[in-house]
Protein backbone atom coordinates (compact mmCIF):
# COMPACT_ATOMS: atom_id res chain seq x y z
CA MET A 1 0.00 0.00 0.00
CA ALA A 2 1.23 3.48 -0.86
CA VAL A 3 0.86 6.77 0.97
CA VAL A 4 1.20 9.65 -1.48
CA PHE A 5 1.50 13.38 -0.79
CA VAL A 6 0.56 15.56 -3.75
CA THR A 7 0.35 19.28 -4.38
CA VAL A 8 -1.11 20.56 -7.66
CA ALA A 9 -0.55 24.27 -8.25
CA PRO A 10 -1.43 26.33 -11.31
CA LEU A 11 1.11 29.04 -12.10
CA GLY A 12 0.58 32.48 -13.58
CA THR A 13 -3.12 32.77 -12.82
CA ALA A 14 -4.93 36.09 -12.61
CA THR A 15 -5.27 35.76 -8.82
CA SER A 16 -3.09 34.54 -5.95
CA SER A 17 -5.99 32.48 -4.59
CA LEU A 18 -5.82 28.80 -5.56
CA SER A 19 -8.88 27.42 -3.74
CA HIS A 20 -10.94 27.36 -6.95
CA TYR A 21 -8.34 25.09 -8.54
CA VAL A 22 -7.89 23.00 -5.39
CA ALA A 23 -11.64 22.36 -5.35
CA GLY A 24 -11.44 21.09 -8.92
CA VAL A 25 -8.63 18.70 -8.01
CA GLU A 26 -10.55 17.56 -4.91
CA ARG A 27 -13.53 16.68 -7.11
CA VAL A 28 -11.28 14.41 -9.19
CA LEU A 29 -10.18 12.61 -6.02
CA ARG A 30 -13.70 12.24 -4.70
CA GLN A 31 -14.78 10.66 -7.97
CA SER A 32 -11.87 8.20 -7.77
CA GLY A 33 -13.07 6.63 -4.53
CA LEU A 34 -9.52 6.62 -3.13
CA LYS A 35 -8.99 7.33 0.55
CA HIS A 36 -7.55 10.83 0.86
CA GLU A 37 -7.13 13.75 3.21
CA LEU A 38 -7.00 17.38 2.15
CA THR A 39 -4.51 19.43 4.19
CA ALA A 40 -3.61 23.10 4.11
CA MET A 41 -0.48 22.41 2.02
CA GLY A 42 -1.47 19.44 -0.14
CA THR A 43 -3.36 16.18 -0.17
CA ILE A 44 -2.52 12.72 1.19
CA VAL A 45 -3.80 9.80 -0.89
CA GLU A 46 -3.68 6.16 0.25
CA GLY A 47 -4.12 2.93 -1.66
CA ASP A 48 -2.69 0.72 -4.35
CA LEU A 49 -0.13 2.61 -6.40
CA ASP A 50 -1.52 1.21 -9.67
CA ARG A 51 -4.85 2.87 -8.80
CA ILE A 52 -3.31 6.10 -7.55
CA LEU A 53 -1.00 6.95 -10.45
CA PRO A 54 -3.73 7.39 -13.11
CA VAL A 55 -5.68 9.58 -10.68
CA LEU A 56 -2.59 11.73 -10.08
CA ARG A 57 -2.45 12.34 -13.85
CA LYS A 58 -6.11 13.45 -13.83
CA MET A 59 -5.43 15.70 -10.85
CA HIS A 60 -2.53 17.32 -12.71
CA GLU A 61 -4.70 17.90 -15.79
CA GLN A 62 -7.66 19.39 -13.90
CA PRO A 63 -6.38 23.00 -13.58
CA PHE A 64 -5.85 23.13 -17.36
CA THR A 65 -9.58 22.48 -17.79
CA GLN A 66 -10.16 25.51 -15.55
CA GLY A 67 -8.06 27.84 -17.69
CA ALA A 68 -4.57 27.40 -16.23
CA VAL A 69 -1.78 27.52 -18.82
CA ARG A 70 0.93 26.08 -16.57
CA VAL A 71 0.69 23.57 -13.70
CA SER A 72 3.34 22.43 -11.23
CA THR A 73 2.67 19.13 -9.47
CA LEU A 74 4.75 17.81 -6.58
CA ILE A 75 4.37 14.10 -5.78
CA LYS A 76 5.99 12.24 -2.87
CA ILE A 77 5.39 8.47 -2.72
CA ASP A 78 5.95 6.20 0.30
CA ASP A 79 5.41 2.69 -1.11
CA ARG A 80 6.04 0.14 1.60
CA ARG A 81 6.05 -3.51 0.49
CA ASP A 82 6.98 -5.41 3.67
CA LYS A 83 3.74 -4.60 5.50
CA ALA A 84 0.61 -2.51 5.10
CA HIS A 85 0.81 1.05 6.36
CA THR A 86 -1.35 4.14 6.42
CA GLY A 87 -0.81 7.81 7.07
CA GLU A 88 -2.66 7.47 10.36
CA GLY A 89 -0.45 4.55 11.37
CA LYS A 90 2.70 6.51 10.57
CA VAL A 91 1.58 9.39 12.80
CA ARG A 92 0.52 6.99 15.57
CA SER A 93 3.97 5.34 15.52
CA VAL A 94 5.73 8.67 16.07
CA LYS A 95 3.30 9.68 18.85
CA GLU A 96 3.93 6.35 20.62
CA LYS A 97 7.65 7.04 20.58
CA LEU A 98 6.92 10.47 22.09
CA GLY A 99 4.94 8.82 24.88
CA GLU A 100 1.64 10.29 23.76
């Protein structure tokens, strides 16, 4: 199972606000059925990497459909093969080591 952090950002738009574009990308994720969490700085997606990668492509393309002429997408993949893991489990492991 993979845990993926992704940020999709249109560049050179008429406004500094990106929430309109982020909402478009969020719609793509909701339609995918993948488990995900929107954060203030990007989105965490969890699941099988073969399912996630095509969705990442759609997410990258979404701002172009909204008028963007340039899009920068940052993708960070944690693909663990020895055992299943989740974003929640990763956070829990650190908190346990902190005694929380």
